Amino acid sequence: MINKRVENKDYLKNADILAPWLLGKLVCRKTEDKIIKARITETECYMGENDSACHASKGKTKRNEPMYYRGGHLYVYLCYGIHSLINVVSGKENSPEAVLIRGVEGASGPGRVSKLLKIDVSFTGYDLCTGNEVWIEDDGYIAKYKVAKRVGIDYAKEEDKNRLWRYISM
């Protein structure tokens, strides 16, 4: 199968559907001298204003505004003032859901993913469907996966901490 760029309609899924669907897809980053392609191995979903672990849980802010875009944009934020974390916005416009890319082949952990792909907060709001610097491809690979609790969300309500919204390729 020829690699096919993931289309806008594919990103309109809710985050809990998009997160496992993205496993096995190739996140692509064009730099000045090459194209980096890395297979997605781990994701987590964040389900909007009713999910206390989600950045949108307290409503729209300047920081999280890209989460309110239609699916297919990036929401990249700085964690601990050091790591840029890459999220794929999902769903319809004004429905702030996103999928954190926690791992790719060659980089385990969301901070390492952004370093490998050379993506920083300047990419927040970036359109994956029309842009030529970052996009996601589907080469037909179907990932088998397991589910687990999300990590790094100690601030969230107990029910949200216990949701099995982390997806890990096996």
Protein backbone atom coordinates (compact mmCIF):
# COMPACT_ATOMS: atom_id res chain seq x y z
CA MET A 1 0.00 0.00 0.00
CA ILE A 2 1.17 3.50 -0.80
CA ASN A 3 1.33 5.81 2.21
CA LYS A 4 -1.73 8.02 2.33
CA ARG A 5 -1.82 11.31 4.18
CA VAL A 6 -4.45 11.25 6.92
CA GLU A 7 -7.33 13.47 5.80
CA ASN A 8 -9.38 16.04 7.67
CA LYS A 9 -12.40 13.70 8.01
CA ASP A 10 -10.22 11.19 9.90
CA TYR A 11 -9.42 13.74 12.62
CA LEU A 12 -13.09 14.49 13.27
CA LYS A 13 -13.37 11.40 15.47
CA ASN A 14 -13.68 11.87 19.23
CA ALA A 15 -10.32 11.62 21.01
CA ASP A 16 -11.12 8.23 22.60
CA ILE A 17 -11.62 6.82 19.07
CA LEU A 18 -8.76 8.71 17.43
CA ALA A 19 -6.15 7.78 20.08
CA PRO A 20 -6.05 4.03 19.37
CA TRP A 21 -6.64 4.65 15.64
CA LEU A 22 -3.44 6.76 15.47
CA LEU A 23 -1.33 3.86 16.76
CA GLY A 24 0.81 2.57 13.91
CA LYS A 25 0.38 5.71 11.81
CA LEU A 26 3.50 7.61 10.73
CA VAL A 27 4.05 11.10 12.06
CA CYS A 28 6.15 12.94 9.47
CA ARG A 29 8.30 16.02 9.88
CA LYS A 30 10.02 17.78 7.00
CA THR A 31 13.19 19.59 8.08
CA GLU A 32 15.61 21.56 5.93
CA ASP A 33 17.57 18.47 4.91
CA LYS A 34 15.29 15.43 5.31
CA ILE A 35 11.90 13.97 6.16
CA ILE A 36 11.68 12.21 9.52
CA LYS A 37 8.99 9.50 9.73
CA ALA A 38 8.22 7.79 13.02
CA ARG A 39 5.55 5.17 13.74
CA ILE A 40 3.27 6.15 16.63
CA THR A 41 3.48 3.59 19.46
CA GLU A 42 1.70 5.25 22.38
CA THR A 43 -1.11 7.79 22.77
CA GLU A 44 -3.41 9.21 25.44
CA CYS A 45 -6.74 10.92 24.94
CA TYR A 46 -8.07 14.02 26.65
CA MET A 47 -11.81 14.47 26.38
CA GLY A 48 -12.61 18.15 26.78
CA GLU A 49 -14.04 20.40 29.44
CA ASN A 50 -15.57 17.53 31.45
CA ASP A 51 -12.23 15.69 31.76
CA SER A 52 -10.37 17.17 34.76
CA ALA A 53 -7.06 15.96 33.30
CA CYS A 54 -7.62 17.95 30.10
CA HIS A 55 -6.18 21.45 29.65
CA ALA A 56 -9.65 22.56 28.55
CA SER A 57 -11.26 21.53 31.85
CA LYS A 58 -11.32 25.15 33.03
CA GLY A 59 -12.45 26.55 29.68
CA LYS A 60 -10.79 28.27 26.77
CA THR A 61 -7.54 30.18 27.37
CA LYS A 62 -4.87 31.65 25.13
CA ARG A 63 -2.68 28.59 25.85
CA ASN A 64 -5.26 25.92 25.00
CA GLU A 65 -7.08 27.78 22.20
CA PRO A 66 -5.87 25.32 19.49
CA MET A 67 -7.77 22.54 21.30
CA TYR A 68 -10.95 24.35 20.21
CA TYR A 69 -9.99 24.19 16.51
CA ARG A 70 -11.47 21.46 14.32
CA GLY A 71 -9.66 18.14 14.39
CA GLY A 72 -6.43 17.93 12.43
CA HIS A 73 -4.47 20.70 14.13
CA LEU A 74 -1.61 20.46 16.59
CA TYR A 75 -1.78 21.61 20.18
CA VAL A 76 1.80 21.80 21.43
CA TYR A 77 2.49 23.01 24.95
CA LEU A 78 5.51 23.36 27.19
CA CYS A 79 5.69 20.98 30.14
CA TYR A 80 7.86 21.87 33.16
CA GLY A 81 9.23 24.75 31.09
CA ILE A 82 11.40 22.25 29.19
CA HIS A 83 9.51 19.71 27.06
CA SER A 84 7.24 20.47 24.13
CA LEU A 85 4.39 17.93 24.14
CA ILE A 86 2.62 17.16 20.87
CA ASN A 87 -1.15 16.70 20.80
CA VAL A 88 -3.37 16.04 17.80
CA VAL A 89 -6.64 17.96 18.09
CA SER A 90 -9.66 15.77 17.40
CA GLY A 91 -13.36 16.19 16.83
CA LYS A 92 -15.42 19.13 15.73
CA GLU A 93 -14.59 22.80 16.15
CA ASN A 94 -15.25 24.13 19.69
CA SER A 95 -15.17 20.60 21.14
CA PRO A 96 -11.75 20.67 22.85
CA GLU A 97 -10.43 17.13 22.63
CA ALA A 98 -6.91 16.02 21.81
CA VAL A 99 -4.59 13.02 21.62
CA LEU A 100 -1.15 13.24 23.19
CA ILE A 101 1.54 11.42 21.24
CA ARG A 102 3.41 9.72 24.10
CA GLY A 103 5.70 7.53 22.03
CA VAL A 104 7.01 6.72 18.57
CA GLU A 105 9.50 4.14 17.38
CA GLY A 106 12.87 5.50 18.49
CA ALA A 107 11.50 7.77 21.23
CA SER A 108 9.63 6.73 24.37
CA GLY A 109 8.06 9.61 26.27
CA PRO A 110 6.35 12.70 24.90
CA GLY A 111 9.32 15.02 25.49
CA ARG A 112 11.60 12.70 23.54
CA VAL A 113 9.04 12.49 20.73
CA SER A 114 9.11 16.26 20.19
CA LYS A 115 12.92 16.29 20.27
CA LEU A 116 13.16 13.48 17.71
CA LEU A 117 10.66 15.23 15.42
CA LYS A 118 12.07 18.70 16.02
CA ILE A 119 8.66 20.08 17.00
CA ASP A 120 8.31 22.86 19.55
CA VAL A 121 5.54 25.17 20.77
CA SER A 122 5.83 27.28 17.62
CA PHE A 123 3.83 24.48 15.93
CA THR A 124 0.77 24.91 18.16
CA GLY A 125 -2.24 25.52 15.91
CA TYR A 126 -0.46 23.94 12.94
CA ASP A 127 -2.80 22.36 10.35
CA LEU A 128 -1.80 18.72 9.73
CA CYS A 129 -4.09 18.51 6.70
CA THR A 130 -2.69 21.37 4.65
CA GLY A 131 0.77 22.00 6.10
CA ASN A 132 3.96 20.70 4.50
CA GLU A 133 6.22 20.60 7.58
CA VAL A 134 4.25 18.12 9.75
CA TRP A 135 1.63 15.58 8.74
CA ILE A 136 0.49 12.04 9.54
CA GLU A 137 0.47 9.16 7.05
CA ASP A 138 -1.35 5.85 7.00
CA ASP A 139 0.58 3.00 5.37
CA GLY A 140 -2.02 0.38 6.27
CA TYR A 141 -0.25 -0.93 9.37
CA ILE A 142 -2.72 -2.08 12.03
CA ALA A 143 -1.33 -1.93 15.55
CA LYS A 144 -2.31 -4.35 18.29
CA TYR A 145 -2.47 -2.51 21.58
CA LYS A 146 -3.26 -2.61 25.27
CA VAL A 147 -4.90 0.06 27.40
CA ALA A 148 -3.75 1.60 30.67
CA LYS A 149 -4.33 4.59 32.91
CA ARG A 150 -2.97 7.93 31.80
CA VAL A 151 0.19 9.13 33.54
CA GLY A 152 1.28 12.47 34.98
CA ILE A 153 -2.22 13.63 35.92
CA ASP A 154 -2.11 13.56 39.71
CA TYR A 155 -4.11 16.82 39.78
CA ALA A 156 -7.15 15.20 38.12
CA LYS A 157 -10.28 13.87 39.82
CA GLU A 158 -10.04 10.24 40.87
CA GLU A 159 -12.50 9.05 38.22
CA ASP A 160 -10.47 10.76 35.48
CA LYS A 161 -7.16 9.40 36.81
CA ASN A 162 -8.57 5.87 36.59
CA ARG A 163 -9.84 6.02 33.01
CA LEU A 164 -8.14 3.61 30.64
CA TRP A 165 -7.36 6.26 28.03
CA ARG A 166 -3.72 5.39 27.36
CA TYR A 167 -3.08 3.20 24.33
CA ILE A 168 0.19 1.29 23.95
CA SER A 169 1.27 -0.75 20.91
CA MET A 170 2.25 -4.32 21.66
